[in-house]
Amino acid sequence: MATKILQINFQFNVPRADYEQAVAAMADEFAAVPGCRWKIWLMNEANREAGGIYHFESDASLNTFLNSPLVAAVTSHPALSDFSVKQFDVLEAISKVTRGPIAAAASASAAA
């Protein structure tokens, strides 16, 4: 079963410091998402765009997340707009060659 990558990008209309403060308060909620192995937070301040790259253990965990109250809260926030949501399968064998964090995340999940 292929693991999944979720890429979410959006525009923000508040100062960067305000955005970072708001999302820092939510980091523990994202860390607790079932089936999410990791999230990398993204920022392109010049274009007022932010987002995240997520690694999920399965389609089911990714889809559960997309239908969660946490995602609903983020996508309905008045400071955020123009969401782009994309899903990808992970090419695990090739990602291991280029030191993608896929194997490390899988090993950590198996040990837990």
PDB file of N, CA and C in Angstrom:
ATOM      1  N   MET A   1       0.846  -1.179   0.000  1.00  0.00           N
ATOM      2  CA  MET A   1       0.000   0.000   0.000  1.00  0.00           C
ATOM      3  C   MET A   1       0.893   1.245   0.000  1.00  0.00           C
ATOM      4  N   ALA A   2       0.660   2.132  -0.947  1.00  0.00           N
ATOM      5  CA  ALA A   2       1.448   3.356  -1.055  1.00  0.00           C
ATOM      6  C   ALA A   2       1.025   4.355   0.015  1.00  0.00           C
ATOM      7  N   THR A   3       2.020   4.996   0.585  1.00  0.00           N
ATOM      8  CA  THR A   3       1.701   6.102   1.475  1.00  0.00           C
ATOM      9  C   THR A   3       1.350   7.307   0.615  1.00  0.00           C
ATOM     10  N   LYS A   4       0.774   8.316   1.237  1.00  0.00           N
ATOM     11  CA  LYS A   4       0.237   9.449   0.501  1.00  0.00           C
ATOM     12  C   LYS A   4       0.880  10.762   0.963  1.00  0.00           C
ATOM     13  N   ILE A   5       1.022  11.665   0.012  1.00  0.00           N
ATOM     14  CA  ILE A   5       1.433  13.047   0.298  1.00  0.00           C
ATOM     15  C   ILE A   5       0.227  13.936   0.013  1.00  0.00           C
ATOM     16  N   LEU A   6      -0.035  14.848   0.914  1.00  0.00           N
ATOM     17  CA  LEU A   6      -1.064  15.861   0.738  1.00  0.00           C
ATOM     18  C   LEU A   6      -0.367  17.213   0.713  1.00  0.00           C
ATOM     19  N   GLN A   7      -0.657  17.986  -0.304  1.00  0.00           N
ATOM     20  CA  GLN A   7      -0.101  19.339  -0.425  1.00  0.00           C
ATOM     21  C   GLN A   7      -1.251  20.324  -0.371  1.00  0.00           C
ATOM     22  N   ILE A   8      -1.216  21.227   0.592  1.00  0.00           N
ATOM     23  CA  ILE A   8      -2.237  22.261   0.718  1.00  0.00           C
ATOM     24  C   ILE A   8      -1.529  23.614   0.706  1.00  0.00           C
ATOM     25  N   ASN A   9      -1.962  24.491  -0.183  1.00  0.00           N
ATOM     26  CA  ASN A   9      -1.441  25.857  -0.253  1.00  0.00           C
ATOM     27  C   ASN A   9      -2.621  26.815  -0.226  1.00  0.00           C
ATOM     28  N   PHE A  10      -2.360  28.031   0.260  1.00  0.00           N
ATOM     29  CA  PHE A  10      -3.419  29.040   0.329  1.00  0.00           C
ATOM     30  C   PHE A  10      -2.788  30.412   0.480  1.00  0.00           C
ATOM     31  N   GLN A  11      -3.588  31.428   0.247  1.00  0.00           N
ATOM     32  CA  GLN A  11      -3.176  32.817   0.454  1.00  0.00           C
ATOM     33  C   GLN A  11      -3.543  33.225   1.886  1.00  0.00           C
ATOM     34  N   PHE A  12      -2.740  34.104   2.471  1.00  0.00           N
ATOM     35  CA  PHE A  12      -3.061  34.649   3.793  1.00  0.00           C
ATOM     36  C   PHE A  12      -3.033  36.164   3.723  1.00  0.00           C
ATOM     37  N   ASN A  13      -3.860  36.825   4.561  1.00  0.00           N
ATOM     38  CA  ASN A  13      -3.972  38.285   4.489  1.00  0.00           C
ATOM     39  C   ASN A  13      -3.710  38.971   5.824  1.00  0.00           C
ATOM     40  N   VAL A  14      -2.821  38.385   6.608  1.00  0.00           N
ATOM     41  CA  VAL A  14      -2.401  38.971   7.885  1.00  0.00           C
ATOM     42  C   VAL A  14      -0.878  39.042   7.883  1.00  0.00           C
ATOM     43  N   PRO A  15      -0.289  39.848   8.768  1.00  0.00           N
ATOM     44  CA  PRO A  15       1.172  39.864   8.845  1.00  0.00           C
ATOM     45  C   PRO A  15       1.724  38.471   9.172  1.00  0.00           C
ATOM     46  N   ARG A  16       2.917  38.187   8.656  1.00  0.00           N
ATOM     47  CA  ARG A  16       3.532  36.879   8.868  1.00  0.00           C
ATOM     48  C   ARG A  16       3.601  36.512  10.341  1.00  0.00           C
ATOM     49  N   ALA A  17       3.984  37.444  11.189  1.00  0.00           N
ATOM     50  CA  ALA A  17       4.096  37.156  12.625  1.00  0.00           C
ATOM     51  C   ALA A  17       2.759  36.716  13.208  1.00  0.00           C
ATOM     52  N   ASP A  18       1.687  37.358  12.788  1.00  0.00           N
ATOM     53  CA  ASP A  18       0.348  36.963  13.254  1.00  0.00           C
ATOM     54  C   ASP A  18      -0.004  35.563  12.764  1.00  0.00           C
ATOM     55  N   TYR A  19       0.314  35.288  11.501  1.00  0.00           N
ATOM     56  CA  TYR A  19       0.048  33.960  10.947  1.00  0.00           C
ATOM     57  C   TYR A  19       0.825  32.898  11.729  1.00  0.00           C
ATOM     58  N   GLU A  20       2.117  33.128  11.928  1.00  0.00           N
ATOM     59  CA  GLU A  20       2.952  32.148  12.635  1.00  0.00           C
ATOM     60  C   GLU A  20       2.459  31.921  14.063  1.00  0.00           C
ATOM     61  N   GLN A  21       2.052  32.976  14.730  1.00  0.00           N
ATOM     62  CA  GLN A  21       1.536  32.836  16.094  1.00  0.00           C
ATOM     63  C   GLN A  21       0.262  31.983  16.103  1.00  0.00           C
ATOM     64  N   ALA A  22      -0.614  32.216  15.144  1.00  0.00           N
ATOM     65  CA  ALA A  22      -1.872  31.470  15.085  1.00  0.00           C
ATOM     66  C   ALA A  22      -1.627  29.991  14.794  1.00  0.00           C
ATOM     67  N   VAL A  23      -0.747  29.688  13.839  1.00  0.00           N
ATOM     68  CA  VAL A  23      -0.533  28.277  13.499  1.00  0.00           C
ATOM     69  C   VAL A  23       0.315  27.560  14.545  1.00  0.00           C
ATOM     70  N   ALA A  24       1.192  28.276  15.224  1.00  0.00           N
ATOM     71  CA  ALA A  24       1.971  27.649  16.292  1.00  0.00           C
ATOM     72  C   ALA A  24       1.050  27.117  17.382  1.00  0.00           C
ATOM     73  N   ALA A  25      -0.028  27.840  17.626  1.00  0.00           N
ATOM     74  CA  ALA A  25      -0.998  27.407  18.636  1.00  0.00           C
ATOM     75  C   ALA A  25      -1.744  26.147  18.202  1.00  0.00           C
ATOM     76  N   MET A  26      -1.743  25.854  16.890  1.00  0.00           N
ATOM     77  CA  MET A  26      -2.452  24.683  16.366  1.00  0.00           C
ATOM     78  C   MET A  26      -1.527  23.501  16.081  1.00  0.00           C
ATOM     79  N   ALA A  27      -0.234  23.675  16.247  1.00  0.00           N
ATOM     80  CA  ALA A  27       0.726  22.635  15.860  1.00  0.00           C
ATOM     81  C   ALA A  27       0.471  21.311  16.571  1.00  0.00           C
ATOM     82  N   ASP A  28       0.130  21.347  17.848  1.00  0.00           N
ATOM     83  CA  ASP A  28      -0.139  20.097  18.569  1.00  0.00           C
ATOM     84  C   ASP A  28      -1.354  19.370  18.009  1.00  0.00           C
ATOM     85  N   GLU A  29      -2.351  20.114  17.561  1.00  0.00           N
ATOM     86  CA  GLU A  29      -3.532  19.479  16.951  1.00  0.00           C
ATOM     87  C   GLU A  29      -3.149  18.746  15.665  1.00  0.00           C
ATOM     88  N   PHE A  30      -2.303  19.385  14.857  1.00  0.00           N
ATOM     89  CA  PHE A  30      -1.852  18.740  13.631  1.00  0.00           C
ATOM     90  C   PHE A  30      -0.962  17.538  13.942  1.00  0.00           C
ATOM     91  N   ALA A  31      -0.141  17.643  14.965  1.00  0.00           N
ATOM     92  CA  ALA A  31       0.737  16.538  15.347  1.00  0.00           C
ATOM     93  C   ALA A  31      -0.054  15.319  15.809  1.00  0.00           C
ATOM     94  N   ALA A  32      -1.262  15.529  16.289  1.00  0.00           N
ATOM     95  CA  ALA A  32      -2.093  14.435  16.810  1.00  0.00           C
ATOM     96  C   ALA A  32      -3.027  13.824  15.763  1.00  0.00           C
ATOM     97  N   VAL A  33      -2.957  14.265  14.519  1.00  0.00           N
ATOM     98  CA  VAL A  33      -3.852  13.731  13.481  1.00  0.00           C
ATOM     99  C   VAL A  33      -3.530  12.253  13.254  1.00  0.00           C
ATOM    100  N   PRO A  34      -4.515  11.383  13.437  1.00  0.00           N
ATOM    101  CA  PRO A  34      -4.276   9.947  13.246  1.00  0.00           C
ATOM    102  C   PRO A  34      -3.844   9.635  11.802  1.00  0.00           C
ATOM    103  N   GLY A  35      -2.789   8.847  11.678  1.00  0.00           N
ATOM    104  CA  GLY A  35      -2.306   8.436  10.364  1.00  0.00           C
ATOM    105  C   GLY A  35      -1.396   9.424   9.672  1.00  0.00           C
ATOM    106  N   CYS A  36      -1.208  10.610  10.253  1.00  0.00           N
ATOM    107  CA  CYS A  36      -0.292  11.600   9.664  1.00  0.00           C
ATOM    108  C   CYS A  36       1.083  11.377  10.269  1.00  0.00           C
ATOM    109  N   ARG A  37       2.027  10.993   9.430  1.00  0.00           N
ATOM    110  CA  ARG A  37       3.388  10.714   9.916  1.00  0.00           C
ATOM    111  C   ARG A  37       4.165  11.997  10.185  1.00  0.00           C
ATOM    112  N   TRP A  38       3.953  13.011   9.349  1.00  0.00           N
ATOM    113  CA  TRP A  38       4.612  14.302   9.566  1.00  0.00           C
ATOM    114  C   TRP A  38       3.947  15.385   8.722  1.00  0.00           C
ATOM    115  N   LYS A  39       4.242  16.612   9.108  1.00  0.00           N
ATOM    116  CA  LYS A  39       3.801  17.785   8.350  1.00  0.00           C
ATOM    117  C   LYS A  39       4.956  18.763   8.287  1.00  0.00           C
ATOM    118  N   ILE A  40       5.167  19.335   7.131  1.00  0.00           N
ATOM    119  CA  ILE A  40       6.133  20.424   6.960  1.00  0.00           C
ATOM    120  C   ILE A  40       5.331  21.675   6.637  1.00  0.00           C
ATOM    121  N   TRP A  41       5.572  22.726   7.416  1.00  0.00           N
ATOM    122  CA  TRP A  41       4.853  23.987   7.242  1.00  0.00           C
ATOM    123  C   TRP A  41       5.593  24.823   6.197  1.00  0.00           C
ATOM    124  N   LEU A  42       4.849  25.454   5.286  1.00  0.00           N
ATOM    125  CA  LEU A  42       5.423  26.219   4.184  1.00  0.00           C
ATOM    126  C   LEU A  42       5.070  27.703   4.295  1.00  0.00           C
ATOM    127  N   MET A  43       5.994  28.536   3.814  1.00  0.00           N
ATOM    128  CA  MET A  43       5.764  29.986   3.833  1.00  0.00           C
ATOM    129  C   MET A  43       6.463  30.617   2.639  1.00  0.00           C
ATOM    130  N   ASN A  44       5.726  31.400   1.863  1.00  0.00           N
ATOM    131  CA  ASN A  44       6.275  32.240   0.807  1.00  0.00           C
ATOM    132  C   ASN A  44       5.731  33.639   1.086  1.00  0.00           C
ATOM    133  N   GLU A  45       6.421  34.342   1.963  1.00  0.00           N
ATOM    134  CA  GLU A  45       5.932  35.638   2.431  1.00  0.00           C
ATOM    135  C   GLU A  45       5.776  36.642   1.291  1.00  0.00           C
ATOM    136  N   ALA A  46       6.697  36.625   0.325  1.00  0.00           N
ATOM    137  CA  ALA A  46       6.641  37.587  -0.778  1.00  0.00           C
ATOM    138  C   ALA A  46       5.339  37.468  -1.568  1.00  0.00           C
ATOM    139  N   ASN A  47       4.835  36.242  -1.713  1.00  0.00           N
ATOM    140  CA  ASN A  47       3.584  36.023  -2.447  1.00  0.00           C
ATOM    141  C   ASN A  47       2.384  35.849  -1.531  1.00  0.00           C
ATOM    142  N   ARG A  48       2.602  36.015  -0.215  1.00  0.00           N
ATOM    143  CA  ARG A  48       1.543  35.881   0.790  1.00  0.00           C
ATOM    144  C   ARG A  48       0.851  34.517   0.682  1.00  0.00           C
ATOM    145  N   GLU A  49       1.688  33.501   0.485  1.00  0.00           N
ATOM    146  CA  GLU A  49       1.196  32.130   0.350  1.00  0.00           C
ATOM    147  C   GLU A  49       1.836  31.263   1.429  1.00  0.00           C
ATOM    148  N   ALA A  50       1.030  30.378   1.982  1.00  0.00           N
ATOM    149  CA  ALA A  50       1.517  29.442   2.992  1.00  0.00           C
ATOM    150  C   ALA A  50       0.861  28.093   2.725  1.00  0.00           C
ATOM    151  N   GLY A  51       1.223  27.126   3.529  1.00  0.00           N
ATOM    152  CA  GLY A  51       0.612  25.817   3.365  1.00  0.00           C
ATOM    153  C   GLY A  51       1.380  24.740   4.086  1.00  0.00           C
ATOM    154  N   GLY A  52       1.196  23.523   3.609  1.00  0.00           N
ATOM    155  CA  GLY A  52       1.861  22.404   4.243  1.00  0.00           C
ATOM    156  C   GLY A  52       1.964  21.214   3.319  1.00  0.00           C
ATOM    157  N   ILE A  53       2.954  20.384   3.611  1.00  0.00           N
ATOM    158  CA  ILE A  53       3.137  19.092   2.960  1.00  0.00           C
ATOM    159  C   ILE A  53       2.982  18.062   4.069  1.00  0.00           C
ATOM    160  N   TYR A  54       2.094  17.102   3.867  1.00  0.00           N
ATOM    161  CA  TYR A  54       1.774  16.087   4.868  1.00  0.00           C
ATOM    162  C   TYR A  54       2.112  14.710   4.315  1.00  0.00           C
ATOM    163  N   HIS A  55       2.565  13.826   5.176  1.00  0.00           N
ATOM    164  CA  HIS A  55       2.790  12.430   4.790  1.00  0.00           C
ATOM    165  C   HIS A  55       1.824  11.566   5.592  1.00  0.00           C
ATOM    166  N   PHE A  56       0.927  10.880   4.887  1.00  0.00           N
ATOM    167  CA  PHE A  56      -0.077  10.022   5.520  1.00  0.00           C
ATOM    168  C   PHE A  56       0.222   8.562   5.247  1.00  0.00           C
ATOM    169  N   GLU A  57      -0.142   7.722   6.189  1.00  0.00           N
ATOM    170  CA  GLU A  57       0.107   6.288   6.046  1.00  0.00           C
ATOM    171  C   GLU A  57      -0.859   5.613   5.078  1.00  0.00           C
ATOM    172  N   SER A  58      -1.992   6.258   4.747  1.00  0.00           N
ATOM    173  CA  SER A  58      -2.973   5.613   3.870  1.00  0.00           C
ATOM    174  C   SER A  58      -3.946   6.632   3.280  1.00  0.00           C
ATOM    175  N   ASP A  59      -4.661   6.177   2.249  1.00  0.00           N
ATOM    176  CA  ASP A  59      -5.756   6.989   1.682  1.00  0.00           C
ATOM    177  C   ASP A  59      -6.796   7.287   2.750  1.00  0.00           C
ATOM    178  N   ALA A  60      -7.108   6.265   3.538  1.00  0.00           N
ATOM    179  CA  ALA A  60      -8.162   6.415   4.543  1.00  0.00           C
ATOM    180  C   ALA A  60      -7.810   7.499   5.558  1.00  0.00           C
ATOM    181  N   SER A  61      -6.567   7.502   6.060  1.00  0.00           N
ATOM    182  CA  SER A  61      -6.202   8.518   7.053  1.00  0.00           C
ATOM    183  C   SER A  61      -6.174   9.904   6.436  1.00  0.00           C
ATOM    184  N   LEU A  62      -5.734  10.015   5.188  1.00  0.00           N
ATOM    185  CA  LEU A  62      -5.729  11.308   4.501  1.00  0.00           C
ATOM    186  C   LEU A  62      -7.160  11.809   4.321  1.00  0.00           C
ATOM    187  N   ASN A  63      -8.054  10.954   3.863  1.00  0.00           N
ATOM    188  CA  ASN A  63      -9.437  11.377   3.638  1.00  0.00           C
ATOM    189  C   ASN A  63     -10.159  11.699   4.940  1.00  0.00           C
ATOM    190  N   THR A  64      -9.860  10.966   5.994  1.00  0.00           N
ATOM    191  CA  THR A  64     -10.443  11.285   7.301  1.00  0.00           C
ATOM    192  C   THR A  64     -10.004  12.681   7.737  1.00  0.00           C
ATOM    193  N   PHE A  65      -8.726  12.992   7.544  1.00  0.00           N
ATOM    194  CA  PHE A  65      -8.208  14.313   7.880  1.00  0.00           C
ATOM    195  C   PHE A  65      -8.914  15.400   7.069  1.00  0.00           C
ATOM    196  N   LEU A  66      -9.042  15.190   5.761  1.00  0.00           N
ATOM    197  CA  LEU A  66      -9.671  16.212   4.908  1.00  0.00           C
ATOM    198  C   LEU A  66     -11.113  16.495   5.307  1.00  0.00           C
ATOM    199  N   ASN A  67     -11.778  15.534   5.925  1.00  0.00           N
ATOM    200  CA  ASN A  67     -13.168  15.712   6.353  1.00  0.00           C
ATOM    201  C   ASN A  67     -13.288  16.034   7.838  1.00  0.00           C
ATOM    202  N   SER A  68     -12.183  16.412   8.458  1.00  0.00           N
ATOM    203  CA  SER A  68     -12.173  16.652   9.901  1.00  0.00           C
ATOM    204  C   SER A  68     -12.568  18.087  10.264  1.00  0.00           C
ATOM    205  N   PRO A  69     -12.968  18.292  11.516  1.00  0.00           N
ATOM    206  CA  PRO A  69     -13.243  19.646  12.004  1.00  0.00           C
ATOM    207  C   PRO A  69     -12.008  20.559  11.939  1.00  0.00           C
ATOM    208  N   LEU A  70     -10.813  19.991  12.075  1.00  0.00           N
ATOM    209  CA  LEU A  70      -9.592  20.793  12.005  1.00  0.00           C
ATOM    210  C   LEU A  70      -9.451  21.414  10.617  1.00  0.00           C
ATOM    211  N   VAL A  71      -9.629  20.631   9.577  1.00  0.00           N
ATOM    212  CA  VAL A  71      -9.542  21.170   8.214  1.00  0.00           C
ATOM    213  C   VAL A  71     -10.671  22.160   7.961  1.00  0.00           C
ATOM    214  N   ALA A  72     -11.855  21.870   8.455  1.00  0.00           N
ATOM    215  CA  ALA A  72     -12.981  22.798   8.293  1.00  0.00           C
ATOM    216  C   ALA A  72     -12.679  24.145   8.947  1.00  0.00           C
ATOM    217  N   ALA A  73     -12.056  24.116  10.110  1.00  0.00           N
ATOM    218  CA  ALA A  73     -11.705  25.363  10.807  1.00  0.00           C
ATOM    219  C   ALA A  73     -10.683  26.165  10.008  1.00  0.00           C
ATOM    220  N   VAL A  74      -9.700  25.495   9.452  1.00  0.00           N
ATOM    221  CA  VAL A  74      -8.669  26.188   8.684  1.00  0.00           C
ATOM    222  C   VAL A  74      -9.261  26.758   7.393  1.00  0.00           C
ATOM    223  N   THR A  75     -10.002  25.959   6.658  1.00  0.00           N
ATOM    224  CA  THR A  75     -10.510  26.416   5.353  1.00  0.00           C
ATOM    225  C   THR A  75     -11.595  27.473   5.469  1.00  0.00           C
ATOM    226  N   SER A  76     -12.187  27.618   6.646  1.00  0.00           N
ATOM    227  CA  SER A  76     -13.199  28.658   6.832  1.00  0.00           C
ATOM    228  C   SER A  76     -12.652  29.903   7.524  1.00  0.00           C
ATOM    229  N   HIS A  77     -11.356  29.912   7.830  1.00  0.00           N
ATOM    230  CA  HIS A  77     -10.773  31.062   8.522  1.00  0.00           C
ATOM    231  C   HIS A  77     -10.778  32.283   7.602  1.00  0.00           C
ATOM    232  N   PRO A  78     -11.235  33.435   8.088  1.00  0.00           N
ATOM    233  CA  PRO A  78     -11.361  34.625   7.234  1.00  0.00           C
ATOM    234  C   PRO A  78     -10.030  35.197   6.747  1.00  0.00           C
ATOM    235  N   ALA A  79      -8.911  34.842   7.367  1.00  0.00           N
ATOM    236  CA  ALA A  79      -7.611  35.358   6.935  1.00  0.00           C
ATOM    237  C   ALA A  79      -6.983  34.496   5.844  1.00  0.00           C
ATOM    238  N   LEU A  80      -7.642  33.392   5.475  1.00  0.00           N
ATOM    239  CA  LEU A  80      -7.087  32.455   4.501  1.00  0.00           C
ATOM    240  C   LEU A  80      -8.045  32.311   3.321  1.00  0.00           C
ATOM    241  N   SER A  81      -7.461  32.149   2.103  1.00  0.00           N
ATOM    242  CA  SER A  81      -8.305  32.009   0.904  1.00  0.00           C
ATOM    243  C   SER A  81      -7.543  31.272  -0.188  1.00  0.00           C
ATOM    244  N   ASP A  82      -8.242  31.008  -1.273  1.00  0.00           N
ATOM    245  CA  ASP A  82      -7.647  30.426  -2.484  1.00  0.00           C
ATOM    246  C   ASP A  82      -6.882  29.129  -2.201  1.00  0.00           C
ATOM    247  N   PHE A  83      -7.571  28.180  -1.615  1.00  0.00           N
ATOM    248  CA  PHE A  83      -6.952  26.904  -1.247  1.00  0.00           C
ATOM    249  C   PHE A  83      -6.702  26.033  -2.465  1.00  0.00           C
ATOM    250  N   SER A  84      -5.556  25.388  -2.469  1.00  0.00           N
ATOM    251  CA  SER A  84      -5.213  24.358  -3.446  1.00  0.00           C
ATOM    252  C   SER A  84      -4.912  23.095  -2.645  1.00  0.00           C
ATOM    253  N   VAL A  85      -5.611  22.001  -2.942  1.00  0.00           N
ATOM    254  CA  VAL A  85      -5.444  20.743  -2.216  1.00  0.00           C
ATOM    255  C   VAL A  85      -5.128  19.660  -3.235  1.00  0.00           C
ATOM    256  N   LYS A  86      -3.951  19.040  -3.096  1.00  0.00           N
ATOM    257  CA  LYS A  86      -3.518  18.013  -4.043  1.00  0.00           C
ATOM    258  C   LYS A  86      -3.053  16.778  -3.281  1.00  0.00           C
ATOM    259  N   GLN A  87      -3.378  15.615  -3.820  1.00  0.00           N
ATOM    260  CA  GLN A  87      -2.964  14.340  -3.232  1.00  0.00           C
ATOM    261  C   GLN A  87      -2.037  13.609  -4.196  1.00  0.00           C
ATOM    262  N   PHE A  88      -1.024  12.929  -3.624  1.00  0.00           N
ATOM    263  CA  PHE A  88      -0.057  12.194  -4.426  1.00  0.00           C
ATOM    264  C   PHE A  88       0.271  10.865  -3.755  1.00  0.00           C
ATOM    265  N   ASP A  89       0.538   9.836  -4.570  1.00  0.00           N
ATOM    266  CA  ASP A  89       1.151   8.618  -4.058  1.00  0.00           C
ATOM    267  C   ASP A  89       2.641   8.895  -3.898  1.00  0.00           C
ATOM    268  N   VAL A  90       3.267   8.228  -2.940  1.00  0.00           N
ATOM    269  CA  VAL A  90       4.705   8.369  -2.730  1.00  0.00           C
ATOM    270  C   VAL A  90       5.420   7.263  -3.508  1.00  0.00           C
ATOM    271  N   LEU A  91       6.397   7.632  -4.287  1.00  0.00           N
ATOM    272  CA  LEU A  91       7.269   6.670  -4.956  1.00  0.00           C
ATOM    273  C   LEU A  91       8.380   6.334  -3.961  1.00  0.00           C
ATOM    274  N   GLU A  92       8.094   5.380  -3.103  1.00  0.00           N
ATOM    275  CA  GLU A  92       8.940   5.126  -1.939  1.00  0.00           C
ATOM    276  C   GLU A  92      10.350   4.671  -2.297  1.00  0.00           C
ATOM    277  N   ALA A  93      10.508   3.752  -3.230  1.00  0.00           N
ATOM    278  CA  ALA A  93      11.845   3.242  -3.548  1.00  0.00           C
ATOM    279  C   ALA A  93      12.756   4.362  -4.053  1.00  0.00           C
ATOM    280  N   ILE A  94      12.233   5.194  -4.928  1.00  0.00           N
ATOM    281  CA  ILE A  94      13.040   6.294  -5.474  1.00  0.00           C
ATOM    282  C   ILE A  94      13.269   7.357  -4.408  1.00  0.00           C
ATOM    283  N   SER A  95      12.270   7.619  -3.575  1.00  0.00           N
ATOM    284  CA  SER A  95      12.411   8.614  -2.504  1.00  0.00           C
ATOM    285  C   SER A  95      13.495   8.210  -1.519  1.00  0.00           C
ATOM    286  N   LYS A  96      13.644   6.912  -1.269  1.00  0.00           N
ATOM    287  CA  LYS A  96      14.715   6.438  -0.373  1.00  0.00           C
ATOM    288  C   LYS A  96      16.086   6.757  -0.946  1.00  0.00           C
ATOM    289  N   VAL A  97      16.246   6.641  -2.262  1.00  0.00           N
ATOM    290  CA  VAL A  97      17.525   6.940  -2.906  1.00  0.00           C
ATOM    291  C   VAL A  97      17.910   8.395  -2.683  1.00  0.00           C
ATOM    292  N   THR A  98      16.920   9.286  -2.722  1.00  0.00           N
ATOM    293  CA  THR A  98      17.196  10.719  -2.568  1.00  0.00           C
ATOM    294  C   THR A  98      17.006  11.197  -1.131  1.00  0.00           C
ATOM    295  N   ARG A  99      17.032  10.261  -0.206  1.00  0.00           N
ATOM    296  CA  ARG A  99      16.966  10.527   1.237  1.00  0.00           C
ATOM    297  C   ARG A  99      15.661  11.187   1.685  1.00  0.00           C
ATOM    298  N   GLY A 100      14.564  10.914   0.979  1.00  0.00           N
ATOM    299  CA  GLY A 100      13.249  11.372   1.443  1.00  0.00           C
ATOM    300  C   GLY A 100      12.971  10.759   2.798  1.00  0.00           C
ATOM    301  N   PRO A 101      12.273  11.451   3.676  1.00  0.00           N
ATOM    302  CA  PRO A 101      12.055  10.955   5.052  1.00  0.00           C
ATOM    303  C   PRO A 101      11.027   9.838   5.147  1.00  0.00           C
ATOM    304  N   ILE A 102      10.770   9.144   4.061  1.00  0.00           N
ATOM    305  CA  ILE A 102       9.740   8.118   4.028  1.00  0.00           C
ATOM    306  C   ILE A 102      10.110   6.911   4.886  1.00  0.00           C
ATOM    307  N   ALA A 103      11.296   6.359   4.697  1.00  0.00           N
ATOM    308  CA  ALA A 103      11.705   5.163   5.434  1.00  0.00           C
ATOM    309  C   ALA A 103      11.804   5.440   6.924  1.00  0.00           C
ATOM    310  N   ALA A 104      12.332   6.593   7.288  1.00  0.00           N
ATOM    311  CA  ALA A 104      12.470   6.940   8.704  1.00  0.00           C
ATOM    312  C   ALA A 104      11.102   7.043   9.373  1.00  0.00           C
ATOM    313  N   ALA A 105      10.132   7.617   8.674  1.00  0.00           N
ATOM    314  CA  ALA A 105       8.795   7.753   9.241  1.00  0.00           C
ATOM    315  C   ALA A 105       8.136   6.396   9.377  1.00  0.00           C
ATOM    316  N   ALA A 106       8.321   5.531   8.385  1.00  0.00           N
ATOM    317  CA  ALA A 106       7.723   4.193   8.440  1.00  0.00           C
ATOM    318  C   ALA A 106       8.330   3.389   9.578  1.00  0.00           C
ATOM    319  N   SER A 107       9.642   3.496   9.756  1.00  0.00           N
ATOM    320  CA  SER A 107      10.313   2.770  10.846  1.00  0.00           C
ATOM    321  C   SER A 107       9.843   3.267  12.204  1.00  0.00           C
ATOM    322  N   ALA A 108       9.669   4.575  12.328  1.00  0.00           N
ATOM    323  CA  ALA A 108       9.210   5.143  13.610  1.00  0.00           C
ATOM    324  C   ALA A 108       7.796   4.679  13.918  1.00  0.00           C
ATOM    325  N   SER A 109       6.934   4.613  12.879  1.00  0.00           N
ATOM    326  CA  SER A 109       5.564   4.154  13.094  1.00  0.00           C
ATOM    327  C   SER A 109       5.532   2.690  13.486  1.00  0.00           C
ATOM    328  N   ALA A 110       6.398   1.883  12.888  1.00  0.00           N
ATOM    329  CA  ALA A 110       6.428   0.449  13.202  1.00  0.00           C
ATOM    330  C   ALA A 110       6.922   0.208  14.616  1.00  0.00           C
ATOM    331  N   ALA A 111       7.818   1.072  15.098  1.00  0.00           N
ATOM    332  CA  ALA A 111       8.369   0.909  16.441  1.00  0.00           C
ATOM    333  C   ALA A 111       7.384   1.339  17.516  1.00  0.00           C
ATOM    334  N   ALA A 112       6.433   2.189  17.158  1.00  0.00           N
ATOM    335  CA  ALA A 112       5.497   2.731  18.145  1.00  0.00           C
ATOM    336  C   ALA A 112       4.469   1.709  18.584  1.00  0.00           C
TER     337      ALA A 112
END
